[in-house]
Amino acid sequence: MKLLLGTNNPGKVREISKFLEGVPLEIISLRTFEEIVPVRETEKSFLANARLKASEYFRQTGLLTLAEDSGLQIDALDGQPGPLSARFAGEEASDADNVTKVLRLLRGIKPARRTARFVCVVAITDGRKIWIATGKCEGRIATRPCGKSGFGYDPIFIPNGYKSTFARLGDTVKDQVSHRAEAFCKVRRILERITGSPKYAADDAPRIRKRS
């Protein structure tokens, strides 16, 4: 049985594949299909975008499909960049472009007001039903980029309970406390029910460590 990951983002493919290690499914990405039509994230919420992508990629391939939408919500920016996180600085923006824009908009904002969170919403569909899993990670925005690990906004996001950014803390910490880690613990339970294979449900699931 195959599971299609509805993303072309290599960072997301790498993280998701790691979280689903041991799941009795052959995990493939969109790059397997040369003529697949990319689905534009036209909705205004993470949930709606995740559902849209999962449904559309299933329609094109007929495969059990997993799609997620995730991003950064910054309180001082009224929840921005939100669902526009990947293209906050423009349609062709790089991760560095997006980080630069966030830091520019937060210039002069005191640390106490730089609160933010990463949010992840995952949708899985077999064409008949859609399963949803969510996760979030609270933290704050640093005043400058720090660290070389991860991708996206990792160089400026400091999770609660830590003094360094995700990009400096590295994958070991991120895999325990991130929004995606929390969501994919739930995803594994969903896939267990879909495949009828409970053997990996307890021992292989990522451990989520909450810090306040």
N, C-alpha and C. Protein backbone atom coordinates (compact mmCIF):
# COMPACT_ATOMS: atom_id res chain seq x y z
N MET A 1 0.84 -1.19 0.00
CA MET A 1 0.00 0.00 0.00
C MET A 1 0.88 1.24 0.00
N LYS A 2 0.54 2.21 -0.85
CA LYS A 2 1.36 3.41 -0.99
C LYS A 2 0.70 4.60 -0.29
N LEU A 3 1.55 5.50 0.19
CA LEU A 3 1.09 6.76 0.78
C LEU A 3 1.78 7.89 0.05
N LEU A 4 1.00 8.75 -0.59
CA LEU A 4 1.54 9.88 -1.31
C LEU A 4 1.64 11.08 -0.38
N LEU A 5 2.82 11.68 -0.32
CA LEU A 5 3.01 12.92 0.42
C LEU A 5 2.78 14.09 -0.54
N GLY A 6 1.76 14.89 -0.27
CA GLY A 6 1.38 15.97 -1.18
C GLY A 6 2.20 17.22 -0.98
N THR A 7 3.51 17.12 -1.18
CA THR A 7 4.38 18.29 -1.06
C THR A 7 5.60 18.12 -1.95
N ASN A 8 6.14 19.25 -2.43
CA ASN A 8 7.40 19.26 -3.16
C ASN A 8 8.53 19.84 -2.32
N ASN A 9 8.21 20.22 -1.08
CA ASN A 9 9.20 20.81 -0.20
C ASN A 9 10.11 19.71 0.34
N PRO A 10 11.39 19.70 -0.05
CA PRO A 10 12.28 18.61 0.39
C PRO A 10 12.46 18.56 1.90
N GLY A 11 12.41 19.72 2.56
CA GLY A 11 12.52 19.74 4.01
C GLY A 11 11.36 19.03 4.66
N LYS A 12 10.14 19.29 4.15
CA LYS A 12 8.96 18.64 4.70
C LYS A 12 8.97 17.14 4.41
N VAL A 13 9.35 16.76 3.19
CA VAL A 13 9.42 15.34 2.84
C VAL A 13 10.37 14.60 3.77
N ARG A 14 11.51 15.21 4.05
CA ARG A 14 12.51 14.61 4.92
C ARG A 14 11.96 14.44 6.34
N GLU A 15 11.34 15.49 6.88
CA GLU A 15 10.79 15.41 8.23
C GLU A 15 9.65 14.42 8.33
N ILE A 16 8.73 14.48 7.38
CA ILE A 16 7.56 13.60 7.42
C ILE A 16 7.99 12.13 7.30
N SER A 17 8.91 11.85 6.39
CA SER A 17 9.39 10.47 6.20
C SER A 17 10.01 9.94 7.48
N LYS A 18 10.72 10.80 8.19
CA LYS A 18 11.36 10.40 9.44
C LYS A 18 10.30 10.09 10.50
N PHE A 19 9.27 10.94 10.59
CA PHE A 19 8.21 10.71 11.58
C PHE A 19 7.43 9.44 11.29
N LEU A 20 7.36 9.05 10.02
CA LEU A 20 6.57 7.88 9.64
C LEU A 20 7.42 6.63 9.45
N GLU A 21 8.66 6.69 9.87
CA GLU A 21 9.55 5.53 9.75
C GLU A 21 8.95 4.32 10.47
N GLY A 22 8.91 3.20 9.79
CA GLY A 22 8.35 1.99 10.36
C GLY A 22 6.89 1.76 10.05
N VAL A 23 6.21 2.77 9.52
CA VAL A 23 4.81 2.59 9.13
C VAL A 23 4.76 1.65 7.92
N PRO A 24 3.86 0.66 7.92
CA PRO A 24 3.82 -0.32 6.83
C PRO A 24 3.19 0.23 5.56
N LEU A 25 3.77 1.29 5.03
CA LEU A 25 3.31 1.91 3.80
C LEU A 25 4.54 2.31 2.98
N GLU A 26 4.42 2.22 1.68
CA GLU A 26 5.48 2.73 0.80
C GLU A 26 5.24 4.23 0.61
N ILE A 27 6.15 5.05 1.14
CA ILE A 27 5.97 6.49 1.10
C ILE A 27 6.61 7.06 -0.16
N ILE A 28 5.80 7.78 -0.94
CA ILE A 28 6.29 8.40 -2.17
C ILE A 28 5.92 9.88 -2.17
N SER A 29 6.65 10.67 -2.94
CA SER A 29 6.39 12.10 -3.00
C SER A 29 5.84 12.48 -4.38
N LEU A 30 5.48 13.73 -4.52
CA LEU A 30 4.94 14.21 -5.79
C LEU A 30 5.93 14.08 -6.93
N ARG A 31 7.22 14.03 -6.62
CA ARG A 31 8.24 13.93 -7.66
C ARG A 31 8.17 12.61 -8.41
N THR A 32 7.41 11.64 -7.87
CA THR A 32 7.23 10.37 -8.55
C THR A 32 6.40 10.54 -9.82
N PHE A 33 5.58 11.60 -9.86
CA PHE A 33 4.66 11.81 -10.97
C PHE A 33 5.12 13.01 -11.81
N GLU A 34 5.50 12.76 -13.05
CA GLU A 34 6.02 13.81 -13.92
C GLU A 34 4.95 14.80 -14.35
N GLU A 35 3.71 14.35 -14.52
CA GLU A 35 2.68 15.20 -15.10
C GLU A 35 1.65 15.67 -14.07
N ILE A 36 1.94 15.52 -12.81
CA ILE A 36 0.96 15.93 -11.80
C ILE A 36 0.82 17.46 -11.80
N VAL A 37 -0.40 17.94 -11.63
CA VAL A 37 -0.66 19.38 -11.62
C VAL A 37 -0.57 19.89 -10.18
N PRO A 38 0.35 20.80 -9.90
CA PRO A 38 0.48 21.31 -8.53
C PRO A 38 -0.81 21.98 -8.06
N VAL A 39 -1.14 21.77 -6.80
CA VAL A 39 -2.34 22.36 -6.22
C VAL A 39 -1.95 23.65 -5.51
N ARG A 40 -2.56 24.74 -5.90
CA ARG A 40 -2.28 26.03 -5.28
C ARG A 40 -3.02 26.15 -3.94
N GLU A 41 -2.32 26.69 -2.96
CA GLU A 41 -2.92 26.88 -1.64
C GLU A 41 -3.72 28.17 -1.64
N THR A 42 -4.97 28.06 -2.09
CA THR A 42 -5.80 29.24 -2.29
C THR A 42 -6.70 29.55 -1.09
N GLU A 43 -6.73 28.65 -0.11
CA GLU A 43 -7.64 28.83 1.02
C GLU A 43 -7.02 29.76 2.08
N LYS A 44 -7.83 30.15 3.05
CA LYS A 44 -7.40 31.13 4.04
C LYS A 44 -7.08 30.53 5.41
N SER A 45 -7.07 29.21 5.50
CA SER A 45 -6.73 28.56 6.76
C SER A 45 -5.86 27.35 6.49
N PHE A 46 -5.10 26.93 7.50
CA PHE A 46 -4.27 25.73 7.37
C PHE A 46 -5.14 24.52 7.10
N LEU A 47 -6.26 24.40 7.81
CA LEU A 47 -7.15 23.25 7.64
C LEU A 47 -7.69 23.16 6.22
N ALA A 48 -8.18 24.27 5.70
CA ALA A 48 -8.77 24.26 4.36
C ALA A 48 -7.73 23.94 3.30
N ASN A 49 -6.52 24.47 3.44
CA ASN A 49 -5.46 24.18 2.48
C ASN A 49 -5.05 22.71 2.53
N ALA A 50 -4.94 22.14 3.73
CA ALA A 50 -4.55 20.74 3.86
C ALA A 50 -5.61 19.83 3.22
N ARG A 51 -6.87 20.11 3.49
CA ARG A 51 -7.96 19.32 2.90
C ARG A 51 -7.97 19.44 1.39
N LEU A 52 -7.77 20.67 0.89
CA LEU A 52 -7.76 20.90 -0.55
C LEU A 52 -6.67 20.09 -1.23
N LYS A 53 -5.45 20.17 -0.68
CA LYS A 53 -4.33 19.48 -1.32
C LYS A 53 -4.49 17.96 -1.26
N ALA A 54 -4.92 17.45 -0.12
CA ALA A 54 -5.11 16.00 -0.01
C ALA A 54 -6.15 15.51 -1.02
N SER A 55 -7.27 16.21 -1.10
CA SER A 55 -8.35 15.79 -2.00
C SER A 55 -7.94 15.87 -3.46
N GLU A 56 -7.25 16.95 -3.83
CA GLU A 56 -6.87 17.14 -5.24
C GLU A 56 -5.78 16.17 -5.68
N TYR A 57 -4.82 15.92 -4.81
CA TYR A 57 -3.76 14.97 -5.20
C TYR A 57 -4.29 13.55 -5.22
N PHE A 58 -5.28 13.23 -4.36
CA PHE A 58 -5.91 11.92 -4.46
C PHE A 58 -6.66 11.81 -5.79
N ARG A 59 -7.36 12.88 -6.15
CA ARG A 59 -8.11 12.86 -7.40
C ARG A 59 -7.20 12.59 -8.59
N GLN A 60 -6.00 13.13 -8.56
CA GLN A 60 -5.07 12.97 -9.68
C GLN A 60 -4.37 11.62 -9.70
N THR A 61 -4.19 11.00 -8.54
CA THR A 61 -3.39 9.78 -8.47
C THR A 61 -4.16 8.54 -8.04
N GLY A 62 -5.25 8.72 -7.30
CA GLY A 62 -5.99 7.57 -6.78
C GLY A 62 -5.30 6.89 -5.61
N LEU A 63 -4.26 7.51 -5.07
CA LEU A 63 -3.50 6.93 -3.96
C LEU A 63 -3.93 7.53 -2.63
N LEU A 64 -3.81 6.73 -1.57
CA LEU A 64 -3.95 7.27 -0.23
C LEU A 64 -3.01 8.45 -0.12
N THR A 65 -3.55 9.61 0.23
CA THR A 65 -2.77 10.85 0.15
C THR A 65 -2.75 11.58 1.48
N LEU A 66 -1.56 12.06 1.81
CA LEU A 66 -1.36 12.89 3.01
C LEU A 66 -0.87 14.25 2.56
N ALA A 67 -1.54 15.29 3.02
CA ALA A 67 -1.10 16.65 2.74
C ALA A 67 -1.16 17.45 4.02
N GLU A 68 -0.24 18.37 4.17
CA GLU A 68 -0.26 19.20 5.38
C GLU A 68 -0.04 20.65 5.00
N ASP A 69 -0.57 21.50 5.84
CA ASP A 69 -0.28 22.92 5.70
C ASP A 69 0.18 23.39 7.07
N SER A 70 1.27 24.11 7.07
CA SER A 70 1.83 24.56 8.34
C SER A 70 2.44 25.93 8.16
N GLY A 71 2.66 26.59 9.26
CA GLY A 71 3.24 27.92 9.17
C GLY A 71 3.38 28.57 10.52
N LEU A 72 3.76 29.82 10.47
CA LEU A 72 4.08 30.59 11.66
C LEU A 72 3.01 31.66 11.89
N GLN A 73 2.54 31.76 13.12
CA GLN A 73 1.61 32.81 13.52
C GLN A 73 2.29 33.70 14.56
N ILE A 74 2.38 34.99 14.26
CA ILE A 74 3.05 35.92 15.15
C ILE A 74 2.02 36.88 15.72
N ASP A 75 1.91 36.92 17.03
CA ASP A 75 0.86 37.71 17.67
C ASP A 75 0.96 39.19 17.36
N ALA A 76 2.17 39.74 17.36
CA ALA A 76 2.36 41.16 17.10
C ALA A 76 2.03 41.54 15.66
N LEU A 77 1.93 40.54 14.78
CA LEU A 77 1.57 40.78 13.38
C LEU A 77 0.16 40.27 13.09
N ASP A 78 -0.66 40.19 14.14
CA ASP A 78 -2.06 39.75 13.99
C ASP A 78 -2.17 38.38 13.33
N GLY A 79 -1.26 37.48 13.69
CA GLY A 79 -1.32 36.12 13.18
C GLY A 79 -0.59 35.87 11.89
N GLN A 80 -0.03 36.91 11.30
CA GLN A 80 0.77 36.72 10.10
C GLN A 80 2.09 36.03 10.46
N PRO A 81 2.72 35.35 9.48
CA PRO A 81 2.29 35.15 8.09
C PRO A 81 1.22 34.09 7.89
N GLY A 82 0.96 33.25 8.89
CA GLY A 82 -0.13 32.29 8.78
C GLY A 82 -0.02 31.38 7.57
N PRO A 83 -1.15 31.12 6.87
CA PRO A 83 -1.12 30.26 5.69
C PRO A 83 -0.24 30.77 4.55
N LEU A 84 0.18 32.03 4.65
CA LEU A 84 1.08 32.59 3.62
C LEU A 84 2.55 32.45 4.00
N SER A 85 2.84 31.65 5.00
CA SER A 85 4.20 31.56 5.53
C SER A 85 5.25 31.25 4.46
N ALA A 86 4.95 30.34 3.55
CA ALA A 86 5.94 29.94 2.55
C ALA A 86 6.20 31.01 1.50
N ARG A 87 5.27 31.94 1.37
CA ARG A 87 5.40 32.97 0.34
C ARG A 87 5.13 34.36 0.92
N PHE A 88 5.53 34.56 2.17
CA PHE A 88 5.25 35.81 2.86
C PHE A 88 5.91 37.00 2.17
N ALA A 89 7.09 36.79 1.63
CA ALA A 89 7.81 37.88 0.96
C ALA A 89 7.60 37.85 -0.55
N GLY A 90 6.67 37.03 -1.05
CA GLY A 90 6.40 36.96 -2.48
C GLY A 90 6.31 35.52 -2.95
N GLU A 91 5.71 35.31 -4.11
CA GLU A 91 5.49 33.96 -4.64
C GLU A 91 6.79 33.19 -4.83
N GLU A 92 7.86 33.87 -5.18
CA GLU A 92 9.13 33.20 -5.42
C GLU A 92 10.11 33.42 -4.27
N ALA A 93 9.60 33.78 -3.12
CA ALA A 93 10.47 34.11 -1.98
C ALA A 93 11.21 32.87 -1.47
N SER A 94 12.43 33.10 -1.04
CA SER A 94 13.23 32.05 -0.40
C SER A 94 12.97 32.08 1.09
N ASP A 95 13.45 31.06 1.80
CA ASP A 95 13.33 31.06 3.26
C ASP A 95 13.98 32.31 3.85
N ALA A 96 15.14 32.67 3.32
CA ALA A 96 15.86 33.85 3.82
C ALA A 96 15.05 35.12 3.59
N ASP A 97 14.37 35.21 2.44
CA ASP A 97 13.54 36.38 2.15
C ASP A 97 12.41 36.51 3.18
N ASN A 98 11.77 35.39 3.48
CA ASN A 98 10.67 35.41 4.44
C ASN A 98 11.14 35.79 5.84
N VAL A 99 12.27 35.24 6.24
CA VAL A 99 12.83 35.57 7.55
C VAL A 99 13.16 37.05 7.64
N THR A 100 13.75 37.56 6.59
CA THR A 100 14.12 38.98 6.55
C THR A 100 12.89 39.87 6.69
N LYS A 101 11.81 39.51 6.02
CA LYS A 101 10.59 40.32 6.10
C LYS A 101 10.02 40.30 7.51
N VAL A 102 9.98 39.13 8.14
CA VAL A 102 9.46 39.03 9.50
C VAL A 102 10.27 39.90 10.45
N LEU A 103 11.59 39.81 10.37
CA LEU A 103 12.44 40.59 11.27
C LEU A 103 12.28 42.08 11.03
N ARG A 104 12.09 42.46 9.78
CA ARG A 104 11.89 43.88 9.46
C ARG A 104 10.58 44.39 10.08
N LEU A 105 9.52 43.59 9.98
CA LEU A 105 8.23 44.00 10.52
C LEU A 105 8.23 44.03 12.05
N LEU A 106 9.10 43.24 12.66
CA LEU A 106 9.16 43.19 14.12
C LEU A 106 10.24 44.11 14.70
N ARG A 107 10.89 44.87 13.85
CA ARG A 107 11.95 45.76 14.33
C ARG A 107 11.38 46.71 15.39
N GLY A 108 12.04 46.75 16.54
CA GLY A 108 11.61 47.63 17.62
C GLY A 108 10.60 47.02 18.57
N ILE A 109 10.08 45.83 18.23
CA ILE A 109 9.11 45.15 19.09
C ILE A 109 9.86 44.46 20.24
N LYS A 110 9.45 44.73 21.47
CA LYS A 110 10.13 44.19 22.64
C LYS A 110 9.94 42.66 22.73
N PRO A 111 10.91 41.96 23.36
CA PRO A 111 10.85 40.50 23.46
C PRO A 111 9.53 39.96 24.00
N ALA A 112 8.94 40.64 24.97
CA ALA A 112 7.69 40.15 25.57
C ALA A 112 6.54 40.13 24.59
N ARG A 113 6.64 40.91 23.52
CA ARG A 113 5.56 40.98 22.53
C ARG A 113 5.88 40.19 21.26
N ARG A 114 6.96 39.44 21.28
CA ARG A 114 7.37 38.69 20.08
C ARG A 114 6.88 37.24 20.15
N THR A 115 5.79 37.00 20.86
CA THR A 115 5.25 35.65 20.99
C THR A 115 4.71 35.14 19.65
N ALA A 116 4.85 33.83 19.45
CA ALA A 116 4.45 33.23 18.17
C ALA A 116 4.25 31.74 18.37
N ARG A 117 3.75 31.10 17.33
CA ARG A 117 3.60 29.65 17.37
C ARG A 117 3.68 29.09 15.96
N PHE A 118 4.22 27.89 15.87
CA PHE A 118 4.13 27.11 14.65
C PHE A 118 2.88 26.25 14.73
N VAL A 119 2.15 26.15 13.62
CA VAL A 119 0.93 25.35 13.54
C VAL A 119 1.05 24.38 12.38
N CYS A 120 0.59 23.16 12.59
CA CYS A 120 0.58 22.15 11.52
C CYS A 120 -0.78 21.47 11.48
N VAL A 121 -1.38 21.39 10.30
CA VAL A 121 -2.63 20.65 10.11
C VAL A 121 -2.39 19.63 9.00
N VAL A 122 -2.70 18.37 9.29
CA VAL A 122 -2.49 17.28 8.33
C VAL A 122 -3.84 16.71 7.93
N ALA A 123 -4.00 16.47 6.63
CA ALA A 123 -5.20 15.82 6.12
C ALA A 123 -4.79 14.56 5.37
N ILE A 124 -5.51 13.47 5.60
CA ILE A 124 -5.27 12.20 4.92
C ILE A 124 -6.59 11.76 4.31
N THR A 125 -6.54 11.32 3.06
CA THR A 125 -7.78 10.86 2.43
C THR A 125 -7.55 9.63 1.58
N ASP A 126 -8.57 8.78 1.57
CA ASP A 126 -8.60 7.62 0.68
C ASP A 126 -9.67 7.80 -0.38
N GLY A 127 -10.16 9.04 -0.51
CA GLY A 127 -11.19 9.33 -1.49
C GLY A 127 -12.60 9.21 -0.95
N ARG A 128 -12.76 8.52 0.17
CA ARG A 128 -14.07 8.37 0.79
C ARG A 128 -14.18 9.17 2.08
N LYS A 129 -13.06 9.26 2.79
CA LYS A 129 -13.05 9.92 4.09
C LYS A 129 -11.79 10.77 4.21
N ILE A 130 -11.89 11.84 5.00
CA ILE A 130 -10.73 12.68 5.29
C ILE A 130 -10.48 12.66 6.79
N TRP A 131 -9.26 12.28 7.18
CA TRP A 131 -8.84 12.30 8.58
C TRP A 131 -7.98 13.54 8.81
N ILE A 132 -8.11 14.16 9.97
CA ILE A 132 -7.39 15.39 10.29
C ILE A 132 -6.57 15.21 11.56
N ALA A 133 -5.34 15.72 11.56
CA ALA A 133 -4.49 15.75 12.75
C ALA A 133 -3.84 17.12 12.85
N THR A 134 -3.71 17.63 14.07
CA THR A 134 -3.16 18.97 14.24
C THR A 134 -2.06 18.97 15.31
N GLY A 135 -1.21 19.98 15.23
CA GLY A 135 -0.18 20.17 16.24
C GLY A 135 0.26 21.62 16.27
N LYS A 136 0.80 22.06 17.40
CA LYS A 136 1.31 23.42 17.48
C LYS A 136 2.48 23.47 18.47
N CYS A 137 3.30 24.48 18.31
CA CYS A 137 4.45 24.69 19.18
C CYS A 137 4.55 26.18 19.50
N GLU A 138 4.42 26.52 20.77
CA GLU A 138 4.47 27.91 21.20
C GLU A 138 5.92 28.36 21.38
N GLY A 139 6.16 29.64 21.13
CA GLY A 139 7.51 30.17 21.30
C GLY A 139 7.55 31.67 21.08
N ARG A 140 8.69 32.14 20.64
CA ARG A 140 8.87 33.57 20.39
C ARG A 140 9.86 33.77 19.25
N ILE A 141 9.88 34.97 18.70
CA ILE A 141 10.74 35.27 17.56
C ILE A 141 12.01 35.96 18.03
N ALA A 142 13.14 35.43 17.59
CA ALA A 142 14.43 36.00 17.94
C ALA A 142 14.62 37.33 17.21
N THR A 143 15.63 38.09 17.61
CA THR A 143 15.89 39.38 16.96
C THR A 143 16.78 39.23 15.74
N ARG A 144 17.40 38.07 15.60
CA ARG A 144 18.25 37.82 14.42
C ARG A 144 18.33 36.32 14.18
N PRO A 145 18.63 35.90 12.96
CA PRO A 145 18.74 34.48 12.66
C PRO A 145 19.90 33.85 13.42
N CYS A 146 19.71 32.59 13.83
CA CYS A 146 20.76 31.88 14.56
C CYS A 146 20.65 30.39 14.26
N GLY A 147 21.73 29.77 13.83
CA GLY A 147 21.74 28.34 13.56
C GLY A 147 21.60 28.00 12.10
N LYS A 148 22.01 26.78 11.73
CA LYS A 148 22.00 26.37 10.33
C LYS A 148 21.18 25.11 10.07
N SER A 149 20.56 24.57 11.12
CA SER A 149 19.75 23.36 10.94
C SER A 149 18.34 23.74 10.54
N GLY A 150 17.58 22.75 10.04
CA GLY A 150 16.18 22.98 9.72
C GLY A 150 15.95 23.78 8.46
N PHE A 151 14.77 24.40 8.36
CA PHE A 151 14.40 25.15 7.17
C PHE A 151 13.32 26.15 7.55
N GLY A 152 12.88 26.96 6.60
CA GLY A 152 11.81 27.92 6.85
C GLY A 152 12.20 28.95 7.90
N TYR A 153 11.36 29.09 8.91
CA TYR A 153 11.58 30.09 9.95
C TYR A 153 12.36 29.54 11.15
N ASP A 154 12.90 28.34 11.03
CA ASP A 154 13.64 27.73 12.14
C ASP A 154 14.76 28.62 12.70
N PRO A 155 15.46 29.42 11.86
CA PRO A 155 16.55 30.24 12.40
C PRO A 155 16.09 31.37 13.32
N ILE A 156 14.79 31.68 13.36
CA ILE A 156 14.34 32.79 14.22
C ILE A 156 13.28 32.38 15.23
N PHE A 157 12.93 31.09 15.27
CA PHE A 157 11.89 30.64 16.21
C PHE A 157 12.51 29.96 17.41
N ILE A 158 12.24 30.50 18.61
CA ILE A 158 12.72 29.93 19.87
C ILE A 158 11.55 29.27 20.58
N PRO A 159 11.52 27.94 20.67
CA PRO A 159 10.39 27.28 21.34
C PRO A 159 10.40 27.55 22.84
N ASN A 160 9.24 27.60 23.44
CA ASN A 160 9.14 27.82 24.88
C ASN A 160 9.94 26.77 25.64
N GLY A 161 10.65 27.23 26.67
CA GLY A 161 11.46 26.33 27.47
C GLY A 161 12.91 26.25 27.02
N TYR A 162 13.23 26.95 25.92
CA TYR A 162 14.59 26.93 25.38
C TYR A 162 15.08 28.36 25.14
N LYS A 163 16.39 28.49 25.00
CA LYS A 163 17.00 29.80 24.78
C LYS A 163 17.55 29.95 23.37
N SER A 164 17.50 28.89 22.58
CA SER A 164 18.04 28.91 21.23
C SER A 164 16.94 28.62 20.21
N THR A 165 17.20 28.97 18.97
CA THR A 165 16.25 28.72 17.89
C THR A 165 16.25 27.25 17.50
N PHE A 166 15.19 26.83 16.80
CA PHE A 166 15.14 25.47 16.27
C PHE A 166 16.37 25.18 15.42
N ALA A 167 16.81 26.16 14.65
CA ALA A 167 17.94 25.96 13.74
C ALA A 167 19.24 25.70 14.49
N ARG A 168 19.32 26.18 15.71
CA ARG A 168 20.51 25.94 16.52
C ARG A 168 20.35 24.72 17.42
N LEU A 169 19.14 24.47 17.89
CA LEU A 169 18.89 23.31 18.75
C LEU A 169 19.07 22.00 18.00
N GLY A 170 18.73 22.00 16.70
CA GLY A 170 18.92 20.82 15.88
C GLY A 170 17.72 19.88 15.87
N ASP A 171 17.84 18.82 15.06
CA ASP A 171 16.71 17.93 14.81
C ASP A 171 16.28 17.14 16.03
N THR A 172 17.21 16.79 16.91
CA THR A 172 16.85 15.97 18.06
C THR A 172 15.79 16.66 18.91
N VAL A 173 16.01 17.93 19.22
CA VAL A 173 15.04 18.68 20.01
C VAL A 173 13.79 18.96 19.19
N LYS A 174 13.97 19.39 17.95
CA LYS A 174 12.82 19.73 17.12
C LYS A 174 11.88 18.54 16.94
N ASP A 175 12.46 17.36 16.78
CA ASP A 175 11.63 16.16 16.59
C ASP A 175 10.84 15.80 17.83
N GLN A 176 11.16 16.38 18.97
CA GLN A 176 10.44 16.10 20.20
C GLN A 176 9.36 17.13 20.50
N VAL A 177 9.59 18.38 20.13
CA VAL A 177 8.68 19.45 20.60
C VAL A 177 7.97 20.22 19.49
N SER A 178 8.28 19.96 18.23
CA SER A 178 7.74 20.78 17.15
C SER A 178 6.26 20.52 16.90
N HIS A 179 5.65 21.45 16.20
CA HIS A 179 4.26 21.33 15.76
C HIS A 179 4.05 20.11 14.89
N ARG A 180 5.02 19.84 14.02
CA ARG A 180 4.89 18.70 13.11
C ARG A 180 5.04 17.38 13.87
N ALA A 181 5.92 17.36 14.85
CA ALA A 181 6.08 16.15 15.66
C ALA A 181 4.78 15.80 16.37
N GLU A 182 4.13 16.80 16.96
CA GLU A 182 2.87 16.57 17.66
C GLU A 182 1.80 16.06 16.70
N ALA A 183 1.70 16.70 15.53
CA ALA A 183 0.68 16.29 14.57
C ALA A 183 0.92 14.87 14.07
N PHE A 184 2.17 14.52 13.84
CA PHE A 184 2.45 13.21 13.24
C PHE A 184 2.39 12.06 14.23
N CYS A 185 2.44 12.34 15.53
CA CYS A 185 2.10 11.31 16.51
C CYS A 185 0.66 10.87 16.28
N LYS A 186 -0.22 11.84 16.03
CA LYS A 186 -1.63 11.56 15.77
C LYS A 186 -1.80 10.89 14.41
N VAL A 187 -1.00 11.32 13.43
CA VAL A 187 -1.08 10.73 12.10
C VAL A 187 -0.77 9.24 12.14
N ARG A 188 0.23 8.86 12.93
CA ARG A 188 0.57 7.44 13.02
C ARG A 188 -0.61 6.61 13.53
N ARG A 189 -1.36 7.15 14.48
CA ARG A 189 -2.53 6.44 14.98
C ARG A 189 -3.59 6.29 13.89
N ILE A 190 -3.74 7.34 13.09
CA ILE A 190 -4.70 7.29 11.97
C ILE A 190 -4.29 6.22 10.97
N LEU A 191 -3.01 6.21 10.61
CA LEU A 191 -2.53 5.23 9.63
C LEU A 191 -2.62 3.82 10.17
N GLU A 192 -2.49 3.68 11.48
CA GLU A 192 -2.67 2.37 12.10
C GLU A 192 -4.08 1.86 11.84
N ARG A 193 -5.05 2.74 12.02
CA ARG A 193 -6.44 2.32 11.79
C ARG A 193 -6.70 2.03 10.32
N ILE A 194 -6.10 2.83 9.45
CA ILE A 194 -6.32 2.63 8.01
C ILE A 194 -5.73 1.31 7.53
N THR A 195 -4.52 1.01 7.99
CA THR A 195 -3.83 -0.19 7.51
C THR A 195 -4.14 -1.42 8.34
N GLY A 196 -4.71 -1.20 9.53
CA GLY A 196 -4.98 -2.34 10.40
C GLY A 196 -3.73 -2.95 10.97
N SER A 197 -2.67 -2.14 11.11
CA SER A 197 -1.38 -2.64 11.60
C SER A 197 -1.00 -1.89 12.87
N PRO A 198 -1.37 -2.42 14.03
CA PRO A 198 -1.10 -1.71 15.28
C PRO A 198 0.29 -1.91 15.84
N LYS A 199 1.14 -2.70 15.19
CA LYS A 199 2.40 -3.11 15.80
C LYS A 199 3.34 -1.95 16.09
N TYR A 200 3.23 -0.84 15.32
CA TYR A 200 4.15 0.27 15.53
C TYR A 200 3.53 1.37 16.37
N ALA A 201 2.29 1.22 16.79
CA ALA A 201 1.55 2.33 17.37
C ALA A 201 2.18 2.89 18.64
N ALA A 202 2.70 2.02 19.51
CA ALA A 202 3.22 2.51 20.78
C ALA A 202 4.73 2.72 20.76
N ASP A 203 5.47 1.69 20.36
CA ASP A 203 6.92 1.73 20.51
C ASP A 203 7.61 2.65 19.52
N ASP A 204 7.10 2.76 18.29
CA ASP A 204 7.80 3.50 17.26
C ASP A 204 7.37 4.95 17.14
N ALA A 205 6.28 5.33 17.78
CA ALA A 205 5.77 6.69 17.64
C ALA A 205 6.74 7.69 18.25
N PRO A 206 6.94 8.85 17.59
CA PRO A 206 7.82 9.88 18.16
C PRO A 206 7.33 10.30 19.53
N ARG A 207 8.25 10.56 20.42
CA ARG A 207 7.91 11.01 21.76
C ARG A 207 7.82 12.53 21.77
N ILE A 208 6.70 13.05 22.24
CA ILE A 208 6.51 14.50 22.31
C ILE A 208 6.81 14.96 23.72
N ARG A 209 7.75 15.88 23.82
CA ARG A 209 8.09 16.42 25.11
C ARG A 209 7.62 17.87 25.18
N LYS A 210 6.74 18.15 26.11
CA LYS A 210 6.19 19.49 26.25
C LYS A 210 7.03 20.30 27.22
N ARG A 211 7.37 21.51 26.82
CA ARG A 211 8.09 22.43 27.69
C ARG A 211 7.29 23.70 27.82
N SER A 212 7.28 24.31 28.97
CA SER A 212 6.53 25.55 29.16
C SER A 212 7.48 26.66 29.56
